[in-house]
Amino acid sequence: MGTASKPDPIPEDIRQVVALFDERADTLRFPDVDREVLMAGCEGVWQRATAVEHLRAELETAKEALEHEQTALRAAAKRALAYASIYAETDEALSARISSFGLAQKPNPVNRQRRGTRTPKRPQTESAAAEQLPGLTRADSTMMPDSAPEIGDGALEG
C-alpha cells in the first residue's frame, strides 16, 4: 500500500485490520464494511496524502517566491529612501519623517560627498608606503633620501 519514499499515512493498527479483511475477504463481509470498503478507504487516504505532499511542495515554492519578492521590495525601498534622504537635507519635515522609519540608516559622513568633488589626498605615512611596496623593509625605507631627484633635474645626465 505504501512506498519506501513516503511515510505510510495509514496507521499500523488500521493496516492490520485491512490485512485481516484482505486475507479473509470471503468470510469477513458485513453490510457496510468489507474488504472493498476498507481498500477504497486506503486508496482515498493515499490520494489525500499525495495531494498534501504536492500542496506542501507548492507552499514551499510559494514561500520562497514570497521571500524573494520581499527581498526585492526591501532593496527598492532602501534605494527609494536613499534618494528621498538627499531631498531631505533641505526639508526638515521630510528628514524627520524619514528618520522615523525603521528602514532609515544614518548616513556615513564619508559617503556624503557630492559627485564631482574630490577629497585631497593625505600624505602617506612611512608604514602606509611600506604596505604598498611589500618588498621594502623599514631599514630600506630609512636609507632612501627624503627627496629623490626627478628625471630631467640633471641627476641622470653624465
C-alpha atoms as a PDB file:
ATOM      1  CA  MET A   1       0.000   0.000   0.000  1.00  0.00           C
ATOM      2  CA  GLY A   2       2.826   2.439   0.786  1.00  0.00           C
ATOM      3  CA  THR A   3       6.068   3.326  -0.933  1.00  0.00           C
ATOM      4  CA  ALA A   4       9.505   3.465   0.571  1.00  0.00           C
ATOM      5  CA  SER A   5       9.946   7.145  -0.330  1.00  0.00           C
ATOM      6  CA  LYS A   6       6.908   8.431   1.585  1.00  0.00           C
ATOM      7  CA  PRO A   7       5.800   7.547   5.104  1.00  0.00           C
ATOM      8  CA  ASP A   8       2.676   5.412   5.223  1.00  0.00           C
ATOM      9  CA  PRO A   9      -0.294   7.659   6.042  1.00  0.00           C
ATOM     10  CA  ILE A  10      -2.249   4.684   7.286  1.00  0.00           C
ATOM     11  CA  PRO A  11      -1.522   3.832  10.934  1.00  0.00           C
ATOM     12  CA  GLU A  12      -0.260   0.352  11.754  1.00  0.00           C
ATOM     13  CA  ASP A  13      -3.363  -0.712  13.696  1.00  0.00           C
ATOM     14  CA  ILE A  14      -5.625   0.172  10.763  1.00  0.00           C
ATOM     15  CA  ARG A  15      -3.313  -1.629   8.317  1.00  0.00           C
ATOM     16  CA  GLN A  16      -3.633  -4.740  10.485  1.00  0.00           C
ATOM     17  CA  VAL A  17      -7.442  -4.603  10.231  1.00  0.00           C
ATOM     18  CA  VAL A  18      -7.249  -4.078   6.465  1.00  0.00           C
ATOM     19  CA  ALA A  19      -4.820  -7.020   6.159  1.00  0.00           C
ATOM     20  CA  LEU A  20      -7.178  -9.254   8.152  1.00  0.00           C
ATOM     21  CA  PHE A  21     -10.122  -8.365   5.904  1.00  0.00           C
ATOM     22  CA  ASP A  22      -7.898  -8.827   2.841  1.00  0.00           C
ATOM     23  CA  GLU A  23      -6.837 -12.337   3.962  1.00  0.00           C
ATOM     24  CA  ARG A  24     -10.386 -13.401   4.895  1.00  0.00           C
ATOM     25  CA  ALA A  25     -12.395 -11.484   2.326  1.00  0.00           C
ATOM     26  CA  ASP A  26     -14.646 -14.487   1.717  1.00  0.00           C
ATOM     27  CA  THR A  27     -15.703 -14.883   5.384  1.00  0.00           C
ATOM     28  CA  LEU A  28     -15.452 -11.365   6.831  1.00  0.00           C
ATOM     29  CA  ARG A  29     -18.196  -9.492   4.995  1.00  0.00           C
ATOM     30  CA  PHE A  30     -20.592  -7.160   6.721  1.00  0.00           C
ATOM     31  CA  PRO A  31     -23.360  -4.951   5.292  1.00  0.00           C
ATOM     32  CA  ASP A  32     -21.401  -1.667   5.329  1.00  0.00           C
ATOM     33  CA  VAL A  33     -17.815  -2.860   5.881  1.00  0.00           C
ATOM     34  CA  ASP A  34     -15.868  -5.410   3.889  1.00  0.00           C
ATOM     35  CA  ARG A  35     -12.534  -5.720   2.095  1.00  0.00           C
ATOM     36  CA  GLU A  36     -13.612  -3.448  -0.785  1.00  0.00           C
ATOM     37  CA  VAL A  37     -14.764  -0.664   1.548  1.00  0.00           C
ATOM     38  CA  LEU A  38     -11.521  -0.807   3.526  1.00  0.00           C
ATOM     39  CA  MET A  39      -9.367  -0.917   0.365  1.00  0.00           C
ATOM     40  CA  ALA A  40     -11.282   2.059  -1.087  1.00  0.00           C
ATOM     41  CA  GLY A  41     -10.684   3.919   2.187  1.00  0.00           C
ATOM     42  CA  CYS A  42      -6.947   3.155   1.960  1.00  0.00           C
ATOM     43  CA  GLU A  43      -6.874   4.419  -1.615  1.00  0.00           C
ATOM     44  CA  GLY A  44      -8.637   7.623  -0.562  1.00  0.00           C
ATOM     45  CA  VAL A  45      -6.136   8.173   2.256  1.00  0.00           C
ATOM     46  CA  TRP A  46      -3.210   7.677  -0.140  1.00  0.00           C
ATOM     47  CA  GLN A  47      -4.719  10.103  -2.670  1.00  0.00           C
ATOM     48  CA  ARG A  48      -5.198  12.752   0.015  1.00  0.00           C
ATOM     49  CA  ALA A  49      -1.703  12.166   1.405  1.00  0.00           C
ATOM     50  CA  THR A  50      -0.249  12.590  -2.094  1.00  0.00           C
ATOM     51  CA  ALA A  51      -2.275  15.781  -2.570  1.00  0.00           C
ATOM     52  CA  VAL A  52      -0.982  17.096   0.756  1.00  0.00           C
ATOM     53  CA  GLU A  53       2.627  16.401  -0.294  1.00  0.00           C
ATOM     54  CA  HIS A  54       2.092  18.241  -3.592  1.00  0.00           C
ATOM     55  CA  LEU A  55       0.493  21.164  -1.791  1.00  0.00           C
ATOM     56  CA  ARG A  56       3.381  21.260   0.692  1.00  0.00           C
ATOM     57  CA  ALA A  57       5.837  21.428  -2.208  1.00  0.00           C
ATOM     58  CA  GLU A  58       3.771  24.208  -3.819  1.00  0.00           C
ATOM     59  CA  LEU A  59       3.618  26.012  -0.486  1.00  0.00           C
ATOM     60  CA  GLU A  60       7.391  25.804  -0.113  1.00  0.00           C
ATOM     61  CA  THR A  61       7.844  27.172  -3.632  1.00  0.00           C
ATOM     62  CA  ALA A  62       5.362  29.967  -2.892  1.00  0.00           C
ATOM     63  CA  LYS A  63       7.178  30.815   0.358  1.00  0.00           C
ATOM     64  CA  GLU A  64      10.492  31.044  -1.496  1.00  0.00           C
ATOM     65  CA  ALA A  65       8.908  33.282  -4.147  1.00  0.00           C
ATOM     66  CA  LEU A  66       7.392  35.463  -1.413  1.00  0.00           C
ATOM     67  CA  GLU A  67      10.756  35.769   0.315  1.00  0.00           C
ATOM     68  CA  HIS A  68      12.401  36.729  -2.989  1.00  0.00           C
ATOM     69  CA  GLU A  69       9.752  39.394  -3.644  1.00  0.00           C
ATOM     70  CA  GLN A  70      10.083  40.753  -0.095  1.00  0.00           C
ATOM     71  CA  THR A  71      13.861  40.980  -0.503  1.00  0.00           C
ATOM     72  CA  ALA A  72      13.468  42.803  -3.822  1.00  0.00           C
ATOM     73  CA  LEU A  73      10.910  45.182  -2.292  1.00  0.00           C
ATOM     74  CA  ARG A  74      13.196  45.869   0.687  1.00  0.00           C
ATOM     75  CA  ALA A  75      16.069  46.717  -1.687  1.00  0.00           C
ATOM     76  CA  ALA A  76      13.802  49.037  -3.720  1.00  0.00           C
ATOM     77  CA  ALA A  77      12.523  50.717  -0.544  1.00  0.00           C
ATOM     78  CA  LYS A  78      16.087  51.278   0.682  1.00  0.00           C
ATOM     79  CA  ARG A  79      17.037  52.753  -2.680  1.00  0.00           C
ATOM     80  CA  ALA A  80      13.936  54.992  -2.614  1.00  0.00           C
ATOM     81  CA  LEU A  81      14.783  56.096   0.916  1.00  0.00           C
ATOM     82  CA  ALA A  82      18.340  56.895  -0.122  1.00  0.00           C
ATOM     83  CA  TYR A  83      17.050  59.145  -2.907  1.00  0.00           C
ATOM     84  CA  ALA A  84      14.491  60.774  -0.613  1.00  0.00           C
ATOM     85  CA  SER A  85      17.114  61.463   2.036  1.00  0.00           C
ATOM     86  CA  ILE A  86      19.033  63.593  -0.485  1.00  0.00           C
ATOM     87  CA  TYR A  87      15.981  65.840  -0.795  1.00  0.00           C
ATOM     88  CA  ALA A  88      15.513  65.734   2.967  1.00  0.00           C
ATOM     89  CA  GLU A  89      18.796  67.588   3.514  1.00  0.00           C
ATOM     90  CA  THR A  90      16.913  70.829   2.867  1.00  0.00           C
ATOM     91  CA  ASP A  91      13.482  69.756   4.189  1.00  0.00           C
ATOM     92  CA  GLU A  92      13.392  69.234   7.951  1.00  0.00           C
ATOM     93  CA  ALA A  93       9.870  67.787   7.976  1.00  0.00           C
ATOM     94  CA  LEU A  94      10.827  65.202   5.363  1.00  0.00           C
ATOM     95  CA  SER A  95      14.062  64.483   7.206  1.00  0.00           C
ATOM     96  CA  ALA A  96      12.181  63.897  10.472  1.00  0.00           C
ATOM     97  CA  ARG A  97       9.708  61.604   8.775  1.00  0.00           C
ATOM     98  CA  ILE A  98      12.447  59.615   7.045  1.00  0.00           C
ATOM     99  CA  SER A  99      14.408  59.235  10.257  1.00  0.00           C
ATOM    100  CA  SER A 100      11.320  57.764  11.940  1.00  0.00           C
ATOM    101  CA  PHE A 101      11.308  54.826   9.518  1.00  0.00           C
ATOM    102  CA  GLY A 102      12.893  51.627  10.750  1.00  0.00           C
ATOM    103  CA  LEU A 103      14.497  51.258   7.347  1.00  0.00           C
ATOM    104  CA  ALA A 104      16.278  54.608   7.636  1.00  0.00           C
ATOM    105  CA  GLN A 105      20.004  54.396   8.112  1.00  0.00           C
ATOM    106  CA  LYS A 106      22.229  57.100   9.441  1.00  0.00           C
ATOM    107  CA  PRO A 107      24.312  58.357   6.556  1.00  0.00           C
ATOM    108  CA  ASN A 108      28.030  57.794   6.717  1.00  0.00           C
ATOM    109  CA  PRO A 109      29.764  61.224   6.636  1.00  0.00           C
ATOM    110  CA  VAL A 110      32.466  59.832   4.343  1.00  0.00           C
ATOM    111  CA  ASN A 111      29.886  58.811   1.767  1.00  0.00           C
ATOM    112  CA  ARG A 112      28.042  62.148   1.820  1.00  0.00           C
ATOM    113  CA  GLN A 113      30.358  63.794  -0.699  1.00  0.00           C
ATOM    114  CA  ARG A 114      28.680  65.104  -3.751  1.00  0.00           C
ATOM    115  CA  ARG A 115      29.702  63.745  -7.095  1.00  0.00           C
ATOM    116  CA  GLY A 116      32.404  65.682  -8.834  1.00  0.00           C
ATOM    117  CA  THR A 117      34.149  66.803  -5.673  1.00  0.00           C
ATOM    118  CA  ARG A 118      37.425  65.271  -4.676  1.00  0.00           C
ATOM    119  CA  THR A 119      38.978  64.872  -1.314  1.00  0.00           C
ATOM    120  CA  PRO A 120      42.590  65.927  -1.204  1.00  0.00           C
ATOM    121  CA  LYS A 121      44.947  63.010  -0.833  1.00  0.00           C
ATOM    122  CA  ARG A 122      46.579  62.749   2.535  1.00  0.00           C
ATOM    123  CA  PRO A 123      50.311  62.293   2.573  1.00  0.00           C
ATOM    124  CA  GLN A 124      51.277  58.676   3.077  1.00  0.00           C
ATOM    125  CA  THR A 125      52.952  57.674   6.255  1.00  0.00           C
ATOM    126  CA  GLU A 126      56.043  55.533   6.148  1.00  0.00           C
ATOM    127  CA  SER A 127      54.091  52.456   7.208  1.00  0.00           C
ATOM    128  CA  ALA A 128      51.450  53.032   4.526  1.00  0.00           C
ATOM    129  CA  ALA A 129      54.143  53.319   1.879  1.00  0.00           C
ATOM    130  CA  ALA A 130      55.756  50.138   3.164  1.00  0.00           C
ATOM    131  CA  GLU A 131      52.420  48.328   2.893  1.00  0.00           C
ATOM    132  CA  GLN A 132      52.114  49.322  -0.762  1.00  0.00           C
ATOM    133  CA  LEU A 133      55.679  48.203  -1.501  1.00  0.00           C
ATOM    134  CA  PRO A 134      55.793  44.744   0.071  1.00  0.00           C
ATOM    135  CA  GLY A 135      59.468  44.113  -0.754  1.00  0.00           C
ATOM    136  CA  LEU A 136      60.520  47.293   1.030  1.00  0.00           C
ATOM    137  CA  THR A 137      61.568  46.864   4.651  1.00  0.00           C
ATOM    138  CA  ARG A 138      61.746  49.584   7.275  1.00  0.00           C
ATOM    139  CA  ALA A 139      65.546  49.566   7.036  1.00  0.00           C
ATOM    140  CA  ASP A 140      65.317  50.081   3.261  1.00  0.00           C
ATOM    141  CA  SER A 141      62.895  52.962   3.624  1.00  0.00           C
ATOM    142  CA  THR A 142      65.190  54.818   6.028  1.00  0.00           C
ATOM    143  CA  MET A 143      68.065  54.543   3.557  1.00  0.00           C
ATOM    144  CA  MET A 144      66.053  56.344   0.877  1.00  0.00           C
ATOM    145  CA  PRO A 145      66.668  60.075   0.608  1.00  0.00           C
ATOM    146  CA  ASP A 146      63.854  62.369   1.656  1.00  0.00           C
ATOM    147  CA  SER A 147      63.702  63.855  -1.825  1.00  0.00           C
ATOM    148  CA  ALA A 148      64.765  61.757  -4.773  1.00  0.00           C
ATOM    149  CA  PRO A 149      65.930  63.680  -7.844  1.00  0.00           C
ATOM    150  CA  GLU A 150      63.375  63.856 -10.613  1.00  0.00           C
ATOM    151  CA  ILE A 151      64.237  62.778 -14.132  1.00  0.00           C
ATOM    152  CA  GLY A 152      65.124  65.920 -16.020  1.00  0.00           C
ATOM    153  CA  ASP A 153      66.794  67.562 -12.990  1.00  0.00           C
ATOM    154  CA  GLY A 154      70.168  66.600 -14.395  1.00  0.00           C
ATOM    155  CA  ALA A 155      70.563  63.747 -11.971  1.00  0.00           C
ATOM    156  CA  LEU A 156      70.819  61.145 -14.700  1.00  0.00           C
ATOM    157  CA  GLU A 157      72.904  63.211 -17.010  1.00  0.00           C
ATOM    158  CA  GLY A 158      76.510  62.251 -17.118  1.00  0.00           C
END
